Protein backbone atom coordinates (compact mmCIF):
# COMPACT_ATOMS: atom_id res chain seq x y z
CA UNK A 1 20.82 -1.95 -5.29
CA UNK A 2 18.29 -1.16 -2.59
CA UNK A 3 15.10 -3.19 -2.86
CA UNK A 4 11.63 -2.35 -1.59
CA UNK A 5 9.28 -5.32 -1.51
CA UNK A 6 5.75 -3.93 -1.38
CA UNK A 7 3.08 -6.01 0.35
CA UNK A 8 -0.54 -4.95 0.48
CA UNK A 9 -2.36 -6.03 3.63
CA UNK A 10 -4.57 -9.11 3.54
CA UNK A 11 -8.33 -8.95 3.10
CA UNK A 12 -10.73 -7.38 5.56
CA UNK A 13 -14.48 -7.97 5.38
CA UNK A 14 -14.68 -4.83 3.22
CA UNK A 15 -12.10 -5.91 0.65
CA UNK A 16 -14.11 -8.44 -1.41
CA UNK A 17 -16.87 -5.84 -1.77
CA UNK A 18 -14.28 -3.32 -2.99
CA UNK A 19 -15.42 -0.77 -0.42
CA UNK A 20 -13.24 2.27 0.24
CA UNK A 21 -11.42 1.86 3.54
CA UNK A 22 -9.13 4.75 4.34
CA UNK A 23 -7.54 6.31 7.38
CA UNK A 24 -10.77 8.08 8.29
CA UNK A 25 -12.86 4.93 8.41
CA UNK A 26 -13.52 2.02 10.75
CA UNK A 27 -9.94 0.64 10.71
CA UNK A 28 -10.95 -3.01 10.30
CA UNK A 29 -8.65 -5.90 11.06
CA UNK A 30 -8.00 -8.91 8.86
CA UNK A 31 -10.79 -11.34 8.06
CA UNK A 32 -10.14 -15.10 8.37
CA UNK A 33 -9.24 -15.08 4.67
CA UNK A 34 -6.93 -12.12 5.26
CA UNK A 35 -5.13 -13.90 8.09
CA UNK A 36 -4.55 -16.89 5.83
CA UNK A 37 -3.24 -14.58 3.11
CA UNK A 38 -0.87 -12.90 5.57
CA UNK A 39 0.57 -16.27 6.56
CA UNK A 40 0.94 -17.28 2.91
CA UNK A 41 2.81 -14.05 2.22
CA UNK A 42 5.00 -14.67 5.26
CA UNK A 43 5.88 -18.14 4.00
CA UNK A 44 6.67 -16.84 0.51
CA UNK A 45 8.89 -14.08 1.88
CA UNK A 46 10.70 -16.49 4.18
CA UNK A 47 11.39 -18.68 1.16
CA UNK A 48 12.62 -15.65 -0.77
CA UNK A 49 14.99 -14.64 2.01
CA UNK A 50 17.16 -11.55 2.28
CA UNK A 51 14.67 -9.16 3.88
CA UNK A 52 16.39 -7.10 6.56
CA UNK A 53 13.58 -4.88 7.83
CA UNK A 54 9.76 -4.76 7.96
CA UNK A 55 8.06 -1.36 7.92
CA UNK A 56 4.29 -1.01 8.12
CA UNK A 57 1.38 1.39 8.13
CA UNK A 58 -0.08 1.79 11.64
CA UNK A 59 -3.55 0.75 10.49
CA UNK A 60 -4.79 -2.49 12.03
CA UNK A 61 -4.99 -4.59 8.86
CA UNK A 62 -1.41 -3.71 7.93
CA UNK A 63 -0.01 -4.25 11.39
CA UNK A 64 -1.64 -7.68 11.57
CA UNK A 65 -0.27 -8.61 8.14
CA UNK A 66 3.18 -7.26 8.96
CA UNK A 67 3.26 -9.02 12.34
CA UNK A 68 2.72 -12.38 10.63
CA UNK A 69 5.63 -11.72 8.30
CA UNK A 70 7.95 -10.24 10.91
CA UNK A 71 7.35 -13.19 13.25
CA UNK A 72 8.08 -15.65 10.44
CA UNK A 73 11.29 -13.80 9.53
CA UNK A 74 12.42 -13.20 13.09
CA UNK A 75 12.44 -9.42 12.61
CA UNK A 76 11.08 -6.56 14.69
CA UNK A 77 8.27 -4.43 13.32
CA UNK A 78 8.70 -0.74 12.50
CA UNK A 79 5.57 1.41 12.24
CA UNK A 80 5.52 4.51 10.04
CA UNK A 81 2.40 6.65 10.26
CA UNK A 82 3.09 8.14 6.82
CA UNK A 83 2.32 4.76 5.20
CA UNK A 84 -1.35 5.00 6.22
CA UNK A 85 -4.05 4.94 3.58
CA UNK A 86 -5.59 8.16 2.29
CA UNK A 87 -8.60 9.61 4.12
CA UNK A 88 -11.67 9.10 1.91
CA UNK A 89 -13.92 11.40 3.94
CA UNK A 90 -17.62 10.89 3.23
CA UNK A 91 -16.77 8.04 0.85
CA UNK A 92 -15.50 5.73 3.60
CA UNK A 93 -17.21 2.35 3.44
CA UNK A 94 -18.77 2.98 0.02
CA UNK A 95 -18.10 1.27 -3.29
CA UNK A 96 -17.05 3.40 -6.26
CA UNK A 97 -20.51 2.80 -7.71
CA UNK A 98 -22.13 4.19 -4.59
CA UNK A 99 -19.77 7.16 -4.56
CA UNK A 100 -20.58 7.87 -8.20
CA UNK A 101 -24.29 7.77 -7.45
CA UNK A 102 -24.07 10.05 -4.39
CA UNK A 103 -21.15 12.35 -5.23
CA UNK A 104 -20.78 12.23 -9.03
CA UNK A 105 -19.17 15.63 -9.50
CA UNK A 106 -16.78 15.21 -6.57
CA UNK A 107 -15.67 11.78 -7.79
CA UNK A 108 -15.08 13.02 -11.33
CA UNK A 109 -13.03 15.92 -10.01
CA UNK A 110 -10.98 13.61 -7.73
CA UNK A 111 -10.23 11.18 -10.55
CA UNK A 112 -9.21 14.04 -12.83
CA UNK A 113 -6.87 15.90 -10.48
CA UNK A 114 -4.48 14.93 -7.66
CA UNK A 115 -5.18 18.35 -6.15
CA UNK A 116 -8.82 17.53 -5.29
CA UNK A 117 -9.70 15.72 -2.02
CA UNK A 118 -12.59 13.25 -1.60
CA UNK A 119 -15.85 14.72 -0.31
CA UNK A 120 -15.37 15.88 3.26
CA UNK A 121 -11.69 14.91 3.41
CA UNK A 122 -8.69 17.18 3.82
CA UNK A 123 -5.95 15.20 2.10
CA UNK A 124 -5.41 15.17 -1.65
CA UNK A 125 -3.53 12.50 -3.60
CA UNK A 126 -0.79 15.09 -4.12
CA UNK A 127 -0.37 15.22 -0.35
CA UNK A 128 -0.41 11.42 -0.13
CA UNK A 129 2.35 11.38 -2.76
CA UNK A 130 4.38 13.88 -0.75
CA UNK A 131 4.36 11.80 2.44
CA UNK A 132 4.93 8.51 0.62
CA UNK A 133 7.88 10.04 -1.23
CA UNK A 134 9.37 11.11 2.09
CA UNK A 135 9.02 7.55 3.43
CA UNK A 136 10.71 6.14 0.32
CA UNK A 137 13.59 8.58 0.54
CA UNK A 138 14.08 7.81 4.21
CA UNK A 139 14.16 4.07 3.60
CA UNK A 140 16.63 4.42 0.74
CA UNK A 141 18.93 6.48 2.94
CA UNK A 142 18.65 4.22 5.98
CA UNK A 143 18.79 0.86 4.21
CA UNK A 144 21.09 1.52 1.26
CA UNK A 145 21.95 -1.77 -0.42
CA UNK A 146 19.43 -3.76 1.66
CA UNK A 147 16.00 -5.29 1.05
CA UNK A 148 13.07 -3.83 3.00
CA UNK A 149 9.48 -5.06 3.20
CA UNK A 150 6.92 -2.24 3.10
CA UNK A 151 3.40 -3.23 4.24
CA UNK A 152 0.79 -0.69 3.25
CA UNK A 153 -2.40 0.03 1.30
CA UNK A 154 -3.53 0.44 -2.29
CA UNK A 155 -2.98 4.21 -2.41
CA UNK A 156 0.57 4.38 -1.00
CA UNK A 157 1.76 1.24 -2.81
CA UNK A 158 0.37 2.34 -6.16
CA UNK A 159 2.04 5.68 -5.54
CA UNK A 160 5.45 4.06 -4.97
CA UNK A 161 5.05 2.08 -8.18
CA UNK A 162 3.85 5.10 -10.14
CA UNK A 163 6.81 7.15 -8.96
CA UNK A 164 9.19 4.34 -9.89
CA UNK A 165 7.74 4.32 -13.41
CA UNK A 166 7.77 8.13 -13.59
CA UNK A 167 4.16 7.84 -14.71
CA UNK A 168 1.58 10.67 -14.51
CA UNK A 169 -0.88 10.84 -11.59
CA UNK A 170 -3.87 9.41 -13.47
CA UNK A 171 -2.06 6.09 -13.89
CA UNK A 172 -2.66 5.49 -10.19
CA UNK A 173 -6.07 4.14 -11.18
CA UNK A 174 -4.70 1.92 -13.97
CA UNK A 175 -2.90 -0.73 -11.93
CA UNK A 176 -4.14 -3.61 -9.81
CA UNK A 177 -2.61 -4.15 -6.36
CA UNK A 178 -4.63 -7.00 -4.89
CA UNK A 179 -4.92 -7.93 -1.24
CA UNK A 180 -1.71 -9.62 0.00
CA UNK A 181 -0.03 -9.11 -3.38
CA UNK A 182 3.69 -8.50 -3.69
CA UNK A 183 5.39 -5.94 -5.92
CA UNK A 184 9.12 -5.21 -6.10
CA UNK A 185 11.06 -2.05 -6.93
CA UNK A 186 14.84 -1.66 -6.91
CA UNK A 187 16.82 1.58 -6.75
CA UNK A 188 20.41 2.02 -7.86
CA UNK A 189 22.96 4.27 -6.17
CA UNK A 190 21.59 7.26 -8.08
CA UNK A 191 18.01 6.57 -7.02
CA UNK A 192 16.93 5.32 -10.45
CA UNK A 193 14.08 2.87 -9.97
CA UNK A 194 13.19 -0.34 -11.78
CA UNK A 195 9.92 -2.22 -11.25
CA UNK A 196 10.63 -5.96 -11.19
CA UNK A 197 7.24 -7.32 -10.14
CA UNK A 198 3.69 -6.00 -9.89
CA UNK A 199 0.71 -7.56 -8.15
CA UNK A 200 2.28 -11.00 -7.70
CA UNK A 201 -0.28 -13.30 -6.06
CA UNK A 202 1.21 -16.70 -6.86
CA UNK A 203 1.76 -17.40 -3.16
CA UNK A 204 -2.01 -17.20 -2.62
CA UNK A 205 -2.87 -20.01 -5.05
């Protein structure tokens, strides 16, 4: 089995307000709460053991989270640009309520189809899925039989879980992946995936 342990970055100041924070936004770092969460995740993963590599999105909040874990585990950090969050265009920094008030038709279209980008953005969720799938396939080839920590964002991590479940695109919006939560997916030698954990936050208690 090859195992991907999926860690969402810790909180930024935008996270508790549930504001959209994509690759086209302000690229915030971790808040004090987020730094504490990153250390708690690092401690939990050290206790778990067995992780052989740490791969992260290049965005600041992920790099800071991943650096805490990698330092705790004594591993180097690998950055993969394709693990970045989606670009939310004109919606960056807004809550879903604010987006619905300002761009109701665009939001409805985006929620209904993976082929529709956010207002003013160029990347669709279909394109996010394509790059995340390529990252997954590369990790499975490079780390066959190993356990890899993937530090990323809501969109890419939900996508990895959705693909593992062979679920349709709209299910992307039907799962919770909280800040600093851990999810786990294994893949057998044929690439068949099994989800073992989703949105585990026990280490944050």
